[in-house]
């Protein structure tokens, strides 16, 4: 039996409580005599009593721990339960694989749609660089003629300019530049 005021394994102070055979009990000398009959010594500490919830500071008795160990071993030894567990695991694995396949296919569809919108935007605005005539689309970029691309992106919250142009009807004020021409226009204010 631990004495009052010692620290238990859970770290809370046991002042006013004793631990007998793994169970927490209130010391009889700290109970109000008027309430002594209403609070039996074997009652658990009060707290959250919902299913699966134990009161704060409650430690399971060795008898309870042994019961749960035995129950778990009995369930795992039962072939029917093990078969159910296996089915549940396979079902979860299948749903996980399906979810991953769905994400991958959605990503591919989005990438294809954005590529298609980019090609349409480049074709609509001329299909070649306005400064050097480059026509290979992987070297081309869509440029704001009057500048202000960062401001426009913040206002519209558009991640992809080609997608925004496609959704908003190919508005004026844009042109096609090669990446070199686009950077030169930004840095020096003119094309090379």
Protein backbone atom coordinates (compact mmCIF):
# COMPACT_ATOMS: atom_id res chain seq x y z
CA UNK A 1 0.00 0.00 0.00
CA UNK A 2 1.39 3.40 -0.98
CA UNK A 3 1.30 6.23 1.48
CA UNK A 4 -0.58 9.48 0.96
CA UNK A 5 1.27 12.19 -0.91
CA UNK A 6 3.41 9.88 -3.03
CA UNK A 7 3.54 10.03 -6.83
CA UNK A 8 1.89 7.29 -8.86
CA UNK A 9 2.93 6.00 -12.27
CA UNK A 10 0.55 8.39 -14.03
CA UNK A 11 2.13 11.40 -12.31
CA UNK A 12 -0.84 12.73 -10.35
CA UNK A 13 -0.60 13.32 -6.61
CA UNK A 14 -2.25 10.64 -4.49
CA UNK A 15 -2.75 12.88 -1.46
CA UNK A 16 -5.97 11.70 0.16
CA UNK A 17 -5.95 8.42 -1.82
CA UNK A 18 -4.39 5.01 -1.37
CA UNK A 19 -3.56 2.41 -3.98
CA UNK A 20 -4.49 -1.10 -2.87
CA UNK A 21 -3.90 -4.04 -5.20
CA UNK A 22 -3.68 -1.68 -8.20
CA UNK A 23 -7.00 0.07 -7.39
CA UNK A 24 -7.23 3.71 -6.34
CA UNK A 25 -9.26 4.25 -3.21
CA UNK A 26 -9.97 7.33 -1.16
CA UNK A 27 -8.43 7.27 2.29
CA UNK A 28 -11.13 6.79 4.91
CA UNK A 29 -9.78 9.55 7.15
CA UNK A 30 -10.29 12.17 4.36
CA UNK A 31 -13.97 11.30 3.73
CA UNK A 32 -16.56 13.57 5.35
CA UNK A 33 -18.39 11.45 7.95
CA UNK A 34 -21.75 12.79 6.73
CA UNK A 35 -21.04 11.51 3.20
CA UNK A 36 -19.23 8.32 4.20
CA UNK A 37 -22.29 6.13 3.72
CA UNK A 38 -23.05 7.70 0.30
CA UNK A 39 -19.55 7.00 -1.07
CA UNK A 40 -18.57 3.37 -0.76
CA UNK A 41 -14.85 2.62 -0.61
CA UNK A 42 -15.04 0.41 -3.71
CA UNK A 43 -16.50 3.08 -6.04
CA UNK A 44 -14.37 4.36 -8.90
CA UNK A 45 -13.27 8.00 -9.03
CA UNK A 46 -15.81 10.21 -10.75
CA UNK A 47 -15.19 11.51 -14.26
CA UNK A 48 -16.16 10.87 -17.86
CA UNK A 49 -18.22 7.68 -17.82
CA UNK A 50 -18.94 7.36 -21.56
CA UNK A 51 -18.11 4.04 -23.15
CA UNK A 52 -14.37 3.64 -23.59
CA UNK A 53 -13.55 6.69 -21.45
CA UNK A 54 -11.98 6.37 -18.05
CA UNK A 55 -11.89 9.07 -15.40
CA UNK A 56 -8.72 11.15 -15.41
CA UNK A 57 -6.07 9.57 -13.22
CA UNK A 58 -7.79 6.18 -13.24
CA UNK A 59 -5.55 3.14 -13.52
CA UNK A 60 -7.00 -0.22 -14.49
CA UNK A 61 -6.67 -2.92 -11.89
CA UNK A 62 -4.53 -5.95 -12.57
CA UNK A 63 -7.73 -8.01 -12.78
CA UNK A 64 -9.07 -5.71 -15.54
CA UNK A 65 -5.76 -5.78 -17.41
CA UNK A 66 -5.67 -9.58 -17.22
CA UNK A 67 -9.25 -9.77 -18.50
CA UNK A 68 -8.44 -7.56 -21.52
CA UNK A 69 -5.25 -9.53 -22.29
CA UNK A 70 -7.17 -12.79 -22.14
CA UNK A 71 -10.03 -11.40 -24.26
CA UNK A 72 -7.61 -10.17 -26.92
CA UNK A 73 -5.80 -13.53 -27.03
CA UNK A 74 -9.12 -15.40 -27.22
CA UNK A 75 -10.32 -13.21 -30.12
CA UNK A 76 -7.07 -13.62 -32.02
CA UNK A 77 -7.12 -17.39 -31.51
CA UNK A 78 -10.65 -17.62 -32.95
CA UNK A 79 -10.33 -18.51 -36.69
CA UNK A 80 -13.63 -16.79 -37.55
CA UNK A 81 -12.45 -13.53 -36.00
CA UNK A 82 -9.08 -13.80 -37.74
CA UNK A 83 -10.87 -14.34 -41.07
CA UNK A 84 -13.00 -11.24 -40.43
CA UNK A 85 -9.87 -9.24 -39.54
CA UNK A 86 -8.25 -10.42 -42.78
CA UNK A 87 -11.30 -9.38 -44.83
CA UNK A 88 -11.37 -5.98 -43.10
CA UNK A 89 -7.66 -5.48 -43.82
CA UNK A 90 -8.07 -6.47 -47.48
CA UNK A 91 -11.10 -4.20 -47.86
CA UNK A 92 -9.17 -1.28 -46.37
CA UNK A 93 -6.19 -2.02 -48.64
CA UNK A 94 -8.49 -2.15 -51.68
CA UNK A 95 -10.11 1.17 -50.81
CA UNK A 96 -6.68 2.70 -50.25
CA UNK A 97 -5.45 1.47 -53.65
CA UNK A 98 -8.63 2.66 -55.39
CA UNK A 99 -8.30 6.07 -53.74
CA UNK A 100 -4.65 6.34 -54.84
CA UNK A 101 -5.53 5.30 -58.42
CA UNK A 102 -8.34 7.85 -58.48
CA UNK A 103 -5.97 10.60 -57.29
CA UNK A 104 -3.36 9.67 -59.90
CA UNK A 105 -5.92 9.60 -62.69
CA UNK A 106 -7.39 12.95 -61.55
CA UNK A 107 -3.89 14.45 -61.52
CA UNK A 108 -3.26 13.15 -65.04
CA UNK A 109 -6.59 14.53 -66.28
CA UNK A 110 -5.86 17.95 -64.73
CA UNK A 111 -2.38 18.04 -66.28
CA UNK A 112 -3.75 17.08 -69.71
CA UNK A 113 -6.51 19.70 -69.44
CA UNK A 114 -4.00 22.43 -68.49
CA UNK A 115 -1.67 21.43 -71.33
CA UNK A 116 -4.57 21.54 -73.78
CA UNK A 117 -5.63 24.99 -72.48
CA UNK A 118 -2.03 26.24 -72.78
CA UNK A 119 -1.78 25.07 -76.39
CA UNK A 120 -5.12 26.75 -77.18
CA UNK A 121 -3.97 30.01 -75.53
CA UNK A 122 -0.65 30.00 -77.41
CA UNK A 123 -2.47 29.39 -80.70
CA UNK A 124 -5.01 32.13 -80.00
CA UNK A 125 -2.32 34.75 -79.26
CA UNK A 126 -0.23 33.98 -82.35
CA UNK A 127 1.59 30.72 -81.69
CA UNK A 128 5.09 32.24 -81.92
CA UNK A 129 7.24 34.71 -80.00
CA UNK A 130 6.51 38.37 -80.75
CA UNK A 131 10.22 39.31 -80.49
CA UNK A 132 12.17 36.46 -82.09
CA UNK A 133 9.64 34.23 -83.87
CA UNK A 134 10.33 31.10 -81.77
CA UNK A 135 7.47 28.65 -82.31
CA UNK A 136 8.33 25.61 -80.15
CA UNK A 137 5.67 25.77 -77.45
CA UNK A 138 7.90 24.57 -74.59
CA UNK A 139 10.00 27.76 -75.06
CA UNK A 140 6.96 30.06 -75.08
CA UNK A 141 5.15 31.96 -72.33
CA UNK A 142 2.04 34.11 -72.17
CA UNK A 143 2.95 37.71 -71.33
CA UNK A 144 0.95 40.73 -70.14
CA UNK A 145 1.60 43.43 -72.77
CA UNK A 146 1.49 46.30 -70.25
CA UNK A 147 3.19 44.33 -67.43
CA UNK A 148 1.52 43.76 -64.08
CA UNK A 149 1.36 39.96 -64.24
CA UNK A 150 2.00 39.52 -60.51
CA UNK A 151 -0.70 42.04 -59.62
CA UNK A 152 -3.12 40.33 -62.03
CA UNK A 153 -2.35 36.91 -60.53
CA UNK A 154 -3.01 38.21 -56.99
CA UNK A 155 -6.29 39.86 -58.01
CA UNK A 156 -7.65 36.84 -59.86
CA UNK A 157 -6.04 34.19 -57.63
CA UNK A 158 -5.35 32.22 -60.82
CA UNK A 159 -2.55 29.67 -60.61
CA UNK A 160 -2.43 29.05 -64.36
CA UNK A 161 -2.80 32.00 -66.72
CA UNK A 162 -3.87 29.81 -69.66
CA UNK A 163 -6.68 28.33 -67.58
CA UNK A 164 -7.82 31.81 -66.55
CA UNK A 165 -7.75 33.03 -70.19
CA UNK A 166 -9.72 29.97 -71.32
CA UNK A 167 -12.37 30.53 -68.63
CA UNK A 168 -12.64 34.29 -69.26
CA UNK A 169 -12.90 34.35 -73.04
CA UNK A 170 -9.38 35.21 -74.29
CA UNK A 171 -9.24 38.82 -73.10
CA UNK A 172 -7.01 41.45 -74.76
CA UNK A 173 -3.73 42.67 -73.30
CA UNK A 174 -1.74 39.44 -73.69
CA UNK A 175 0.91 38.24 -76.13
CA UNK A 176 3.21 35.26 -76.65
CA UNK A 177 6.92 35.70 -75.84
CA UNK A 178 9.77 33.24 -75.50
CA UNK A 179 11.03 32.83 -71.94
CA UNK A 180 14.21 34.81 -72.75
CA UNK A 181 12.18 37.68 -74.19
CA UNK A 182 9.80 37.60 -71.22
CA UNK A 183 12.65 37.81 -68.67
CA UNK A 184 14.44 40.52 -70.68
CA UNK A 185 11.22 42.58 -70.87
CA UNK A 186 10.81 42.22 -67.09
CA UNK A 187 14.46 43.07 -66.24
CA UNK A 188 15.33 45.67 -68.88
CA UNK A 189 11.91 46.86 -70.03
CA UNK A 190 12.56 45.83 -73.66
CA UNK A 191 13.27 42.75 -75.78
CA UNK A 192 16.81 41.74 -76.71
